[in-house]
Amino acid sequence: MNEQETQSPSNSESTHSKNAEDKIEELHKLTNRIANELERSRIAQYTELLNRPWKLIGLNLLSGAARGVGIAIGFTFFAATIIYVLQVLGALNLPIVGDYIADIVRIVQRQLELNTY
């Protein structure tokens, strides 16, 4: 029994050592995965951009102008489509649509007559 008791701690130490090595290996893999994710997210370029405020302002102005142009083009297409549909409906001379448009025109004319600037 004495031999078994002596061997038992060495076995538990080797098991503990393997368990620790497995944990270290898992931690290493996790660290590498996090490093790869950070590289893909370009965090270094973002922090560099934050340290150069004039470049950040320039990029924001450029992206804002591009967004504004995109909205203007989109609204133009949308409004043109609506106007086209209304023209087609007006050409059909539908009584319900025509009466509705005539009511809108009368309301607008009354408002213009009442509000003299």
PDB file of N, CA and C in Angstrom:
ATOM      1  N   MET A   1       0.808  -1.184   0.000  1.00  0.00           N
ATOM      2  CA  MET A   1       0.000   0.000   0.000  1.00  0.00           C
ATOM      3  C   MET A   1       0.847   1.242   0.000  1.00  0.00           C
ATOM      4  N   ASN A   2       1.965   1.119   0.631  1.00  0.00           N
ATOM      5  CA  ASN A   2       2.850   2.260   0.659  1.00  0.00           C
ATOM      6  C   ASN A   2       3.288   2.657  -0.730  1.00  0.00           C
ATOM      7  N   GLU A   3       3.534   1.675  -1.577  1.00  0.00           N
ATOM      8  CA  GLU A   3       3.932   1.963  -2.950  1.00  0.00           C
ATOM      9  C   GLU A   3       2.797   2.627  -3.716  1.00  0.00           C
ATOM     10  N   GLN A   4       1.593   2.166  -3.479  1.00  0.00           N
ATOM     11  CA  GLN A   4       0.449   2.747  -4.162  1.00  0.00           C
ATOM     12  C   GLN A   4       0.219   4.188  -3.729  1.00  0.00           C
ATOM     13  N   GLU A   5       0.380   4.441  -2.446  1.00  0.00           N
ATOM     14  CA  GLU A   5       0.199   5.806  -1.949  1.00  0.00           C
ATOM     15  C   GLU A   5       1.263   6.727  -2.534  1.00  0.00           C
ATOM     16  N   THR A   6       2.473   6.214  -2.750  1.00  0.00           N
ATOM     17  CA  THR A   6       3.542   7.002  -3.326  1.00  0.00           C
ATOM     18  C   THR A   6       3.286   7.245  -4.804  1.00  0.00           C
ATOM     19  N   GLN A   7       2.765   6.262  -5.500  1.00  0.00           N
ATOM     20  CA  GLN A   7       2.496   6.408  -6.923  1.00  0.00           C
ATOM     21  C   GLN A   7       1.272   7.285  -7.157  1.00  0.00           C
ATOM     22  N   SER A   8       0.350   7.228  -6.256  1.00  0.00           N
ATOM     23  CA  SER A   8      -0.893   7.975  -6.415  1.00  0.00           C
ATOM     24  C   SER A   8      -0.659   9.480  -6.509  1.00  0.00           C
ATOM     25  N   PRO A   9       0.139  10.081  -5.649  1.00  0.00           N
ATOM     26  CA  PRO A   9       0.378  11.516  -5.802  1.00  0.00           C
ATOM     27  C   PRO A   9       1.083  11.857  -7.101  1.00  0.00           C
ATOM     28  N   SER A  10       1.999  11.023  -7.562  1.00  0.00           N
ATOM     29  CA  SER A  10       2.678  11.340  -8.815  1.00  0.00           C
ATOM     30  C   SER A  10       1.695  11.230  -9.979  1.00  0.00           C
ATOM     31  N   ASN A  11       0.780  10.270  -9.935  1.00  0.00           N
ATOM     32  CA  ASN A  11      -0.241  10.150 -10.968  1.00  0.00           C
ATOM     33  C   ASN A  11      -1.165  11.363 -10.956  1.00  0.00           C
ATOM     34  N   SER A  12      -1.555  11.808  -9.774  1.00  0.00           N
ATOM     35  CA  SER A  12      -2.440  12.968  -9.692  1.00  0.00           C
ATOM     36  C   SER A  12      -1.704  14.229 -10.151  1.00  0.00           C
ATOM     37  N   GLU A  13      -0.394  14.267  -9.868  1.00  0.00           N
ATOM     38  CA  GLU A  13       0.378  15.411 -10.347  1.00  0.00           C
ATOM     39  C   GLU A  13       0.479  15.419 -11.858  1.00  0.00           C
ATOM     40  N   SER A  14       0.661  14.264 -12.484  1.00  0.00           N
ATOM     41  CA  SER A  14       0.737  14.206 -13.938  1.00  0.00           C
ATOM     42  C   SER A  14      -0.637  14.522 -14.544  1.00  0.00           C
ATOM     43  N   THR A  15      -1.700  14.045 -13.896  1.00  0.00           N
ATOM     44  CA  THR A  15      -3.047  14.369 -14.372  1.00  0.00           C
ATOM     45  C   THR A  15      -3.303  15.863 -14.227  1.00  0.00           C
ATOM     46  N   HIS A  16      -2.895  16.419 -13.112  1.00  0.00           N
ATOM     47  CA  HIS A  16      -3.058  17.861 -12.873  1.00  0.00           C
ATOM     48  C   HIS A  16      -2.227  18.652 -13.886  1.00  0.00           C
ATOM     49  N   SER A  17      -1.028  18.151 -14.188  1.00  0.00           N
ATOM     50  CA  SER A  17      -0.161  18.809 -15.159  1.00  0.00           C
ATOM     51  C   SER A  17      -0.781  18.783 -16.551  1.00  0.00           C
ATOM     52  N   LYS A  18      -1.358  17.623 -16.953  1.00  0.00           N
ATOM     53  CA  LYS A  18      -2.010  17.521 -18.263  1.00  0.00           C
ATOM     54  C   LYS A  18      -3.238  18.422 -18.324  1.00  0.00           C
ATOM     55  N   ASN A  19      -3.984  18.454 -17.237  1.00  0.00           N
ATOM     56  CA  ASN A  19      -5.174  19.295 -17.180  1.00  0.00           C
ATOM     57  C   ASN A  19      -4.791  20.771 -17.317  1.00  0.00           C
ATOM     58  N   ALA A  20      -3.720  21.182 -16.669  1.00  0.00           N
ATOM     59  CA  ALA A  20      -3.245  22.557 -16.763  1.00  0.00           C
ATOM     60  C   ALA A  20      -2.753  22.859 -18.178  1.00  0.00           C
ATOM     61  N   GLU A  21      -2.064  21.880 -18.788  1.00  0.00           N
ATOM     62  CA  GLU A  21      -1.598  22.078 -20.166  1.00  0.00           C
ATOM     63  C   GLU A  21      -2.772  22.218 -21.129  1.00  0.00           C
ATOM     64  N   ASP A  22      -3.818  21.423 -20.917  1.00  0.00           N
ATOM     65  CA  ASP A  22      -5.018  21.534 -21.762  1.00  0.00           C
ATOM     66  C   ASP A  22      -5.661  22.908 -21.622  1.00  0.00           C
ATOM     67  N   LYS A  23      -5.726  23.400 -20.387  1.00  0.00           N
ATOM     68  CA  LYS A  23      -6.305  24.718 -20.153  1.00  0.00           C
ATOM     69  C   LYS A  23      -5.467  25.817 -20.794  1.00  0.00           C
ATOM     70  N   ILE A  24      -4.146  25.670 -20.698  1.00  0.00           N
ATOM     71  CA  ILE A  24      -3.251  26.652 -21.311  1.00  0.00           C
ATOM     72  C   ILE A  24      -3.406  26.627 -22.825  1.00  0.00           C
ATOM     73  N   GLU A  25      -3.510  25.431 -23.396  1.00  0.00           N
ATOM     74  CA  GLU A  25      -3.697  25.308 -24.846  1.00  0.00           C
ATOM     75  C   GLU A  25      -5.024  25.922 -25.273  1.00  0.00           C
ATOM     76  N   GLU A  26      -6.069  25.692 -24.508  1.00  0.00           N
ATOM     77  CA  GLU A  26      -7.379  26.281 -24.820  1.00  0.00           C
ATOM     78  C   GLU A  26      -7.319  27.803 -24.711  1.00  0.00           C
ATOM     79  N   LEU A  27      -6.624  28.307 -23.700  1.00  0.00           N
ATOM     80  CA  LEU A  27      -6.466  29.749 -23.531  1.00  0.00           C
ATOM     81  C   LEU A  27      -5.670  30.341 -24.698  1.00  0.00           C
ATOM     82  N   HIS A  28      -4.656  29.617 -25.159  1.00  0.00           N
ATOM     83  CA  HIS A  28      -3.847  30.066 -26.298  1.00  0.00           C
ATOM     84  C   HIS A  28      -4.700  30.159 -27.557  1.00  0.00           C
ATOM     85  N   LYS A  29      -5.532  29.146 -27.802  1.00  0.00           N
ATOM     86  CA  LYS A  29      -6.408  29.163 -28.974  1.00  0.00           C
ATOM     87  C   LYS A  29      -7.402  30.314 -28.900  1.00  0.00           C
ATOM     88  N   LEU A  30      -7.967  30.535 -27.720  1.00  0.00           N
ATOM     89  CA  LEU A  30      -8.920  31.622 -27.538  1.00  0.00           C
ATOM     90  C   LEU A  30      -8.257  32.981 -27.763  1.00  0.00           C
ATOM     91  N   THR A  31      -7.046  33.144 -27.270  1.00  0.00           N
ATOM     92  CA  THR A  31      -6.308  34.394 -27.456  1.00  0.00           C
ATOM     93  C   THR A  31      -6.013  34.630 -28.933  1.00  0.00           C
ATOM     94  N   ASN A  32      -5.622  33.585 -29.638  1.00  0.00           N
ATOM     95  CA  ASN A  32      -5.373  33.725 -31.080  1.00  0.00           C
ATOM     96  C   ASN A  32      -6.645  34.090 -31.836  1.00  0.00           C
ATOM     97  N   ARG A  33      -7.759  33.488 -31.444  1.00  0.00           N
ATOM     98  CA  ARG A  33      -9.027  33.805 -32.106  1.00  0.00           C
ATOM     99  C   ARG A  33      -9.423  35.271 -31.866  1.00  0.00           C
ATOM    100  N   ILE A  34      -9.237  35.745 -30.652  1.00  0.00           N
ATOM    101  CA  ILE A  34      -9.546  37.147 -30.344  1.00  0.00           C
ATOM    102  C   ILE A  34      -8.630  38.080 -31.130  1.00  0.00           C
ATOM    103  N   ALA A  35      -7.347  37.725 -31.233  1.00  0.00           N
ATOM    104  CA  ALA A  35      -6.402  38.549 -31.998  1.00  0.00           C
ATOM    105  C   ALA A  35      -6.806  38.609 -33.464  1.00  0.00           C
ATOM    106  N   ASN A  36      -7.222  37.475 -34.019  1.00  0.00           N
ATOM    107  CA  ASN A  36      -7.669  37.466 -35.419  1.00  0.00           C
ATOM    108  C   ASN A  36      -8.920  38.313 -35.614  1.00  0.00           C
ATOM    109  N   GLU A  37      -9.853  38.249 -34.669  1.00  0.00           N
ATOM    110  CA  GLU A  37     -11.070  39.067 -34.760  1.00  0.00           C
ATOM    111  C   GLU A  37     -10.732  40.557 -34.706  1.00  0.00           C
ATOM    112  N   LEU A  38      -9.794  40.930 -33.848  1.00  0.00           N
ATOM    113  CA  LEU A  38      -9.390  42.332 -33.747  1.00  0.00           C
ATOM    114  C   LEU A  38      -8.724  42.805 -35.038  1.00  0.00           C
ATOM    115  N   GLU A  39      -7.924  41.936 -35.637  1.00  0.00           N
ATOM    116  CA  GLU A  39      -7.290  42.299 -36.899  1.00  0.00           C
ATOM    117  C   GLU A  39      -8.331  42.483 -37.990  1.00  0.00           C
ATOM    118  N   ARG A  40      -9.346  41.612 -37.998  1.00  0.00           N
ATOM    119  CA  ARG A  40     -10.393  41.734 -39.013  1.00  0.00           C
ATOM    120  C   ARG A  40     -11.248  42.975 -38.793  1.00  0.00           C
ATOM    121  N   SER A  41     -11.417  43.402 -37.557  1.00  0.00           N
ATOM    122  CA  SER A  41     -12.248  44.574 -37.283  1.00  0.00           C
ATOM    123  C   SER A  41     -11.483  45.880 -37.494  1.00  0.00           C
ATOM    124  N   ARG A  42     -10.225  45.791 -37.796  1.00  0.00           N
ATOM    125  CA  ARG A  42      -9.372  46.953 -38.084  1.00  0.00           C
ATOM    126  C   ARG A  42      -9.367  47.961 -36.930  1.00  0.00           C
ATOM    127  N   ILE A  43      -9.262  47.463 -35.727  1.00  0.00           N
ATOM    128  CA  ILE A  43      -9.278  48.319 -34.546  1.00  0.00           C
ATOM    129  C   ILE A  43      -8.070  49.244 -34.530  1.00  0.00           C
ATOM    130  N   ALA A  44      -6.936  48.800 -35.058  1.00  0.00           N
ATOM    131  CA  ALA A  44      -5.738  49.649 -35.070  1.00  0.00           C
ATOM    132  C   ALA A  44      -5.949  50.847 -35.996  1.00  0.00           C
ATOM    133  N   GLN A  45      -6.569  50.616 -37.146  1.00  0.00           N
ATOM    134  CA  GLN A  45      -6.839  51.732 -38.065  1.00  0.00           C
ATOM    135  C   GLN A  45      -7.835  52.708 -37.450  1.00  0.00           C
ATOM    136  N   TYR A  46      -8.795  52.191 -36.715  1.00  0.00           N
ATOM    137  CA  TYR A  46      -9.782  53.057 -36.068  1.00  0.00           C
ATOM    138  C   TYR A  46      -9.121  53.935 -35.015  1.00  0.00           C
ATOM    139  N   THR A  47      -8.262  53.358 -34.193  1.00  0.00           N
ATOM    140  CA  THR A  47      -7.593  54.164 -33.173  1.00  0.00           C
ATOM    141  C   THR A  47      -6.648  55.179 -33.815  1.00  0.00           C
ATOM    142  N   GLU A  48      -6.023  54.809 -34.924  1.00  0.00           N
ATOM    143  CA  GLU A  48      -5.161  55.761 -35.639  1.00  0.00           C
ATOM    144  C   GLU A  48      -5.992  56.925 -36.170  1.00  0.00           C
ATOM    145  N   LEU A  49      -7.176  56.619 -36.673  1.00  0.00           N
ATOM    146  CA  LEU A  49      -8.067  57.660 -37.185  1.00  0.00           C
ATOM    147  C   LEU A  49      -8.527  58.596 -36.065  1.00  0.00           C
ATOM    148  N   LEU A  50      -8.761  58.044 -34.877  1.00  0.00           N
ATOM    149  CA  LEU A  50      -9.170  58.876 -33.739  1.00  0.00           C
ATOM    150  C   LEU A  50      -8.055  59.824 -33.307  1.00  0.00           C
ATOM    151  N   ASN A  51      -6.808  59.438 -33.550  1.00  0.00           N
ATOM    152  CA  ASN A  51      -5.681  60.296 -33.191  1.00  0.00           C
ATOM    153  C   ASN A  51      -5.431  61.386 -34.230  1.00  0.00           C
ATOM    154  N   ARG A  52      -6.107  61.327 -35.373  1.00  0.00           N
ATOM    155  CA  ARG A  52      -5.960  62.343 -36.417  1.00  0.00           C
ATOM    156  C   ARG A  52      -7.330  62.982 -36.671  1.00  0.00           C
ATOM    157  N   PRO A  53      -7.706  63.988 -35.861  1.00  0.00           N
ATOM    158  CA  PRO A  53      -9.068  64.535 -35.938  1.00  0.00           C
ATOM    159  C   PRO A  53      -9.386  65.205 -37.275  1.00  0.00           C
ATOM    160  N   TRP A  54      -8.427  65.815 -37.947  1.00  0.00           N
ATOM    161  CA  TRP A  54      -8.730  66.480 -39.216  1.00  0.00           C
ATOM    162  C   TRP A  54      -9.086  65.467 -40.297  1.00  0.00           C
ATOM    163  N   LYS A  55      -8.419  64.335 -40.279  1.00  0.00           N
ATOM    164  CA  LYS A  55      -8.757  63.287 -41.233  1.00  0.00           C
ATOM    165  C   LYS A  55     -10.139  62.723 -40.923  1.00  0.00           C
ATOM    166  N   LEU A  56     -10.458  62.577 -39.646  1.00  0.00           N
ATOM    167  CA  LEU A  56     -11.773  62.099 -39.235  1.00  0.00           C
ATOM    168  C   LEU A  56     -12.866  63.058 -39.682  1.00  0.00           C
ATOM    169  N   ILE A  57     -12.632  64.359 -39.518  1.00  0.00           N
ATOM    170  CA  ILE A  57     -13.610  65.369 -39.948  1.00  0.00           C
ATOM    171  C   ILE A  57     -13.784  65.319 -41.459  1.00  0.00           C
ATOM    172  N   GLY A  58     -12.684  65.214 -42.187  1.00  0.00           N
ATOM    173  CA  GLY A  58     -12.765  65.144 -43.651  1.00  0.00           C
ATOM    174  C   GLY A  58     -13.543  63.929 -44.126  1.00  0.00           C
ATOM    175  N   LEU A  59     -13.276  62.775 -43.528  1.00  0.00           N
ATOM    176  CA  LEU A  59     -14.000  61.562 -43.910  1.00  0.00           C
ATOM    177  C   LEU A  59     -15.483  61.674 -43.572  1.00  0.00           C
ATOM    178  N   ASN A  60     -15.793  62.268 -42.435  1.00  0.00           N
ATOM    179  CA  ASN A  60     -17.203  62.435 -42.070  1.00  0.00           C
ATOM    180  C   ASN A  60     -17.907  63.408 -43.009  1.00  0.00           C
ATOM    181  N   LEU A  61     -17.218  64.480 -43.426  1.00  0.00           N
ATOM    182  CA  LEU A  61     -17.825  65.408 -44.381  1.00  0.00           C
ATOM    183  C   LEU A  61     -18.079  64.725 -45.720  1.00  0.00           C
ATOM    184  N   LEU A  62     -17.107  63.952 -46.180  1.00  0.00           N
ATOM    185  CA  LEU A  62     -17.258  63.242 -47.445  1.00  0.00           C
ATOM    186  C   LEU A  62     -18.399  62.226 -47.381  1.00  0.00           C
ATOM    187  N   SER A  63     -18.461  61.464 -46.306  1.00  0.00           N
ATOM    188  CA  SER A  63     -19.530  60.468 -46.197  1.00  0.00           C
ATOM    189  C   SER A  63     -20.886  61.143 -46.037  1.00  0.00           C
ATOM    190  N   GLY A  64     -20.952  62.271 -45.352  1.00  0.00           N
ATOM    191  CA  GLY A  64     -22.211  63.005 -45.217  1.00  0.00           C
ATOM    192  C   GLY A  64     -22.684  63.551 -46.552  1.00  0.00           C
ATOM    193  N   ALA A  65     -21.749  64.082 -47.350  1.00  0.00           N
ATOM    194  CA  ALA A  65     -22.122  64.595 -48.678  1.00  0.00           C
ATOM    195  C   ALA A  65     -22.611  63.453 -49.574  1.00  0.00           C
ATOM    196  N   ALA A  66     -21.937  62.317 -49.527  1.00  0.00           N
ATOM    197  CA  ALA A  66     -22.362  61.167 -50.333  1.00  0.00           C
ATOM    198  C   ALA A  66     -23.741  60.683 -49.894  1.00  0.00           C
ATOM    199  N   ARG A  67     -23.981  60.667 -48.598  1.00  0.00           N
ATOM    200  CA  ARG A  67     -25.287  60.252 -48.092  1.00  0.00           C
ATOM    201  C   ARG A  67     -26.368  61.227 -48.537  1.00  0.00           C
ATOM    202  N   GLY A  68     -26.072  62.511 -48.493  1.00  0.00           N
ATOM    203  CA  GLY A  68     -27.039  63.523 -48.930  1.00  0.00           C
ATOM    204  C   GLY A  68     -27.373  63.396 -50.405  1.00  0.00           C
ATOM    205  N   VAL A  69     -26.351  63.170 -51.228  1.00  0.00           N
ATOM    206  CA  VAL A  69     -26.588  62.988 -52.667  1.00  0.00           C
ATOM    207  C   VAL A  69     -27.428  61.743 -52.906  1.00  0.00           C
ATOM    208  N   GLY A  70     -27.148  60.682 -52.188  1.00  0.00           N
ATOM    209  CA  GLY A  70     -27.920  59.445 -52.325  1.00  0.00           C
ATOM    210  C   GLY A  70     -29.377  59.638 -51.945  1.00  0.00           C
ATOM    211  N   ILE A  71     -29.616  60.365 -50.872  1.00  0.00           N
ATOM    212  CA  ILE A  71     -30.997  60.640 -50.457  1.00  0.00           C
ATOM    213  C   ILE A  71     -31.702  61.480 -51.508  1.00  0.00           C
ATOM    214  N   ALA A  72     -31.008  62.488 -52.038  1.00  0.00           N
ATOM    215  CA  ALA A  72     -31.620  63.347 -53.057  1.00  0.00           C
ATOM    216  C   ALA A  72     -31.983  62.549 -54.309  1.00  0.00           C
ATOM    217  N   ILE A  73     -31.083  61.688 -54.750  1.00  0.00           N
ATOM    218  CA  ILE A  73     -31.361  60.868 -55.939  1.00  0.00           C
ATOM    219  C   ILE A  73     -32.521  59.915 -55.663  1.00  0.00           C
ATOM    220  N   GLY A  74     -32.515  59.289 -54.507  1.00  0.00           N
ATOM    221  CA  GLY A  74     -33.594  58.371 -54.145  1.00  0.00           C
ATOM    222  C   GLY A  74     -34.936  59.076 -54.087  1.00  0.00           C
ATOM    223  N   PHE A  75     -34.976  60.256 -53.467  1.00  0.00           N
ATOM    224  CA  PHE A  75     -36.235  60.996 -53.381  1.00  0.00           C
ATOM    225  C   PHE A  75     -36.702  61.434 -54.769  1.00  0.00           C
ATOM    226  N   THR A  76     -35.768  61.796 -55.629  1.00  0.00           N
ATOM    227  CA  THR A  76     -36.134  62.200 -56.993  1.00  0.00           C
ATOM    228  C   THR A  76     -36.811  61.041 -57.727  1.00  0.00           C
ATOM    229  N   PHE A  77     -36.243  59.862 -57.643  1.00  0.00           N
ATOM    230  CA  PHE A  77     -36.856  58.692 -58.290  1.00  0.00           C
ATOM    231  C   PHE A  77     -38.231  58.390 -57.689  1.00  0.00           C
ATOM    232  N   PHE A  78     -38.325  58.485 -56.378  1.00  0.00           N
ATOM    233  CA  PHE A  78     -39.600  58.219 -55.702  1.00  0.00           C
ATOM    234  C   PHE A  78     -40.660  59.226 -56.123  1.00  0.00           C
ATOM    235  N   ALA A  79     -40.324  60.512 -56.110  1.00  0.00           N
ATOM    236  CA  ALA A  79     -41.283  61.555 -56.492  1.00  0.00           C
ATOM    237  C   ALA A  79     -41.670  61.417 -57.970  1.00  0.00           C
ATOM    238  N   ALA A  80     -40.694  61.109 -58.817  1.00  0.00           N
ATOM    239  CA  ALA A  80     -40.998  60.936 -60.237  1.00  0.00           C
ATOM    240  C   ALA A  80     -41.959  59.773 -60.453  1.00  0.00           C
ATOM    241  N   THR A  81     -41.786  58.704 -59.702  1.00  0.00           N
ATOM    242  CA  THR A  81     -42.692  57.559 -59.814  1.00  0.00           C
ATOM    243  C   THR A  81     -44.103  57.942 -59.376  1.00  0.00           C
ATOM    244  N   ILE A  82     -44.215  58.658 -58.276  1.00  0.00           N
ATOM    245  CA  ILE A  82     -45.531  59.089 -57.789  1.00  0.00           C
ATOM    246  C   ILE A  82     -46.193  60.016 -58.808  1.00  0.00           C
ATOM    247  N   ILE A  83     -45.448  60.962 -59.352  1.00  0.00           N
ATOM    248  CA  ILE A  83     -46.011  61.884 -60.351  1.00  0.00           C
ATOM    249  C   ILE A  83     -46.450  61.119 -61.593  1.00  0.00           C
ATOM    250  N   TYR A  84     -45.660  60.158 -62.008  1.00  0.00           N
ATOM    251  CA  TYR A  84     -46.020  59.352 -63.177  1.00  0.00           C
ATOM    252  C   TYR A  84     -47.325  58.584 -62.930  1.00  0.00           C
ATOM    253  N   VAL A  85     -47.447  57.987 -61.762  1.00  0.00           N
ATOM    254  CA  VAL A  85     -48.668  57.241 -61.430  1.00  0.00           C
ATOM    255  C   VAL A  85     -49.861  58.176 -61.401  1.00  0.00           C
ATOM    256  N   LEU A  86     -49.701  59.370 -60.834  1.00  0.00           N
ATOM    257  CA  LEU A  86     -50.808  60.333 -60.794  1.00  0.00           C
ATOM    258  C   LEU A  86     -51.181  60.792 -62.202  1.00  0.00           C
ATOM    259  N   GLN A  87     -50.203  60.980 -63.065  1.00  0.00           N
ATOM    260  CA  GLN A  87     -50.514  61.360 -64.443  1.00  0.00           C
ATOM    261  C   GLN A  87     -51.286  60.263 -65.159  1.00  0.00           C
ATOM    262  N   VAL A  88     -50.894  59.027 -64.947  1.00  0.00           N
ATOM    263  CA  VAL A  88     -51.606  57.907 -65.568  1.00  0.00           C
ATOM    264  C   VAL A  88     -53.035  57.851 -65.047  1.00  0.00           C
ATOM    265  N   LEU A  89     -53.194  58.049 -63.751  1.00  0.00           N
ATOM    266  CA  LEU A  89     -54.549  58.041 -63.184  1.00  0.00           C
ATOM    267  C   LEU A  89     -55.365  59.222 -63.690  1.00  0.00           C
ATOM    268  N   GLY A  90     -54.721  60.369 -63.855  1.00  0.00           N
ATOM    269  CA  GLY A  90     -55.423  61.544 -64.390  1.00  0.00           C
ATOM    270  C   GLY A  90     -55.820  61.339 -65.839  1.00  0.00           C
ATOM    271  N   ALA A  91     -55.004  60.657 -66.612  1.00  0.00           N
ATOM    272  CA  ALA A  91     -55.307  60.401 -68.017  1.00  0.00           C
ATOM    273  C   ALA A  91     -56.479  59.437 -68.158  1.00  0.00           C
ATOM    274  N   LEU A  92     -56.651  58.576 -67.158  1.00  0.00           N
ATOM    275  CA  LEU A  92     -57.780  57.646 -67.202  1.00  0.00           C
ATOM    276  C   LEU A  92     -59.108  58.341 -66.923  1.00  0.00           C
ATOM    277  N   ASN A  93     -59.032  59.544 -66.359  1.00  0.00           N
ATOM    278  CA  ASN A  93     -60.208  60.356 -66.061  1.00  0.00           C
ATOM    279  C   ASN A  93     -61.210  59.589 -65.189  1.00  0.00           C
ATOM    280  N   LEU A  94     -60.690  59.016 -64.126  1.00  0.00           N
ATOM    281  CA  LEU A  94     -61.545  58.303 -63.180  1.00  0.00           C
ATOM    282  C   LEU A  94     -62.313  59.302 -62.331  1.00  0.00           C
ATOM    283  N   PRO A  95     -63.621  59.138 -62.167  1.00  0.00           N
ATOM    284  CA  PRO A  95     -64.408  60.128 -61.443  1.00  0.00           C
ATOM    285  C   PRO A  95     -64.011  60.275 -59.970  1.00  0.00           C
ATOM    286  N   ILE A  96     -63.688  59.174 -59.291  1.00  0.00           N
ATOM    287  CA  ILE A  96     -63.358  59.256 -57.863  1.00  0.00           C
ATOM    288  C   ILE A  96     -62.028  59.980 -57.670  1.00  0.00           C
ATOM    289  N   VAL A  97     -61.032  59.616 -58.450  1.00  0.00           N
ATOM    290  CA  VAL A  97     -59.714  60.236 -58.334  1.00  0.00           C
ATOM    291  C   VAL A  97     -59.787  61.695 -58.758  1.00  0.00           C
ATOM    292  N   GLY A  98     -60.508  61.972 -59.845  1.00  0.00           N
ATOM    293  CA  GLY A  98     -60.632  63.351 -60.320  1.00  0.00           C
ATOM    294  C   GLY A  98     -61.307  64.245 -59.293  1.00  0.00           C
ATOM    295  N   ASP A  99     -62.379  63.749 -58.656  1.00  0.00           N
ATOM    296  CA  ASP A  99     -63.059  64.524 -57.614  1.00  0.00           C
ATOM    297  C   ASP A  99     -62.142  64.766 -56.418  1.00  0.00           C
ATOM    298  N   TYR A 100     -61.369  63.756 -56.052  1.00  0.00           N
ATOM    299  CA  TYR A 100     -60.449  63.879 -54.926  1.00  0.00           C
ATOM    300  C   TYR A 100     -59.382  64.930 -55.216  1.00  0.00           C
ATOM    301  N   ILE A 101     -58.816  64.903 -56.413  1.00  0.00           N
ATOM    302  CA  ILE A 101     -57.792  65.887 -56.789  1.00  0.00           C
ATOM    303  C   ILE A 101     -58.406  67.283 -56.870  1.00  0.00           C
ATOM    304  N   ALA A 102     -59.623  67.382 -57.384  1.00  0.00           N
ATOM    305  CA  ALA A 102     -60.298  68.682 -57.457  1.00  0.00           C
ATOM    306  C   ALA A 102     -60.534  69.241 -56.062  1.00  0.00           C
ATOM    307  N   ASP A 103     -60.913  68.391 -55.096  1.00  0.00           N
ATOM    308  CA  ASP A 103     -61.093  68.848 -53.714  1.00  0.00           C
ATOM    309  C   ASP A 103     -59.779  69.370 -53.137  1.00  0.00           C
ATOM    310  N   ILE A 104     -58.707  68.675 -53.416  1.00  0.00           N
ATOM    311  CA  ILE A 104     -57.399  69.121 -52.918  1.00  0.00           C
ATOM    312  C   ILE A 104     -57.037  70.475 -53.524  1.00  0.00           C
ATOM    313  N   VAL A 105     -57.302  70.653 -54.818  1.00  0.00           N
ATOM    314  CA  VAL A 105     -56.994  71.926 -55.482  1.00  0.00           C
ATOM    315  C   VAL A 105     -57.828  73.047 -54.867  1.00  0.00           C
ATOM    316  N   ARG A 106     -59.110  72.811 -54.606  1.00  0.00           N
ATOM    317  CA  ARG A 106     -59.973  73.838 -53.988  1.00  0.00           C
ATOM    318  C   ARG A 106     -59.470  74.203 -52.598  1.00  0.00           C
ATOM    319  N   ILE A 107     -59.093  73.215 -51.810  1.00  0.00           N
ATOM    320  CA  ILE A 107     -58.593  73.487 -50.455  1.00  0.00           C
ATOM    321  C   ILE A 107     -57.327  74.333 -50.520  1.00  0.00           C
ATOM    322  N   VAL A 108     -56.442  74.000 -51.410  1.00  0.00           N
ATOM    323  CA  VAL A 108     -55.188  74.756 -51.537  1.00  0.00           C
ATOM    324  C   VAL A 108     -55.482  76.180 -51.989  1.00  0.00           C
ATOM    325  N   GLN A 109     -56.420  76.384 -52.939  1.00  0.00           N
ATOM    326  CA  GLN A 109     -56.763  77.734 -53.416  1.00  0.00           C
ATOM    327  C   GLN A 109     -57.367  78.561 -52.303  1.00  0.00           C
ATOM    328  N   ARG A 110     -58.248  77.969 -51.496  1.00  0.00           N
ATOM    329  CA  ARG A 110     -58.835  78.716 -50.368  1.00  0.00           C
ATOM    330  C   ARG A 110     -57.752  79.158 -49.388  1.00  0.00           C
ATOM    331  N   GLN A 111     -56.816  78.247 -49.104  1.00  0.00           N
ATOM    332  CA  GLN A 111     -55.750  78.591 -48.171  1.00  0.00           C
ATOM    333  C   GLN A 111     -54.864  79.710 -48.727  1.00  0.00           C
ATOM    334  N   LEU A 112     -54.644  79.702 -50.014  1.00  0.00           N
ATOM    335  CA  LEU A 112     -53.840  80.765 -50.626  1.00  0.00           C
ATOM    336  C   LEU A 112     -54.566  82.090 -50.595  1.00  0.00           C
ATOM    337  N   GLU A 113     -55.890  82.071 -50.767  1.00  0.00           N
ATOM    338  CA  GLU A 113     -56.679  83.319 -50.744  1.00  0.00           C
ATOM    339  C   GLU A 113     -56.739  83.890 -49.326  1.00  0.00           C
ATOM    340  N   LEU A 114     -56.830  83.025 -48.330  1.00  0.00           N
ATOM    341  CA  LEU A 114     -56.934  83.501 -46.944  1.00  0.00           C
ATOM    342  C   LEU A 114     -55.617  84.051 -46.423  1.00  0.00           C
ATOM    343  N   ASN A 115     -54.539  83.430 -46.783  1.00  0.00           N
ATOM    344  CA  ASN A 115     -53.224  83.848 -46.291  1.00  0.00           C
ATOM    345  C   ASN A 115     -52.548  84.742 -47.297  1.00  0.00           C
ATOM    346  N   THR A 116     -52.826  86.029 -47.209  1.00  0.00           N
ATOM    347  CA  THR A 116     -52.131  86.975 -48.074  1.00  0.00           C
ATOM    348  C   THR A 116     -50.864  87.428 -47.370  1.00  0.00           C
ATOM    349  N   TYR A 117     -49.806  87.305 -48.034  1.00  0.00           N
ATOM    350  CA  TYR A 117     -48.514  87.620 -47.427  1.00  0.00           C
ATOM    351  C   TYR A 117     -48.111  89.025 -47.692  1.00  0.00           C
TER     352      TYR A 117
END
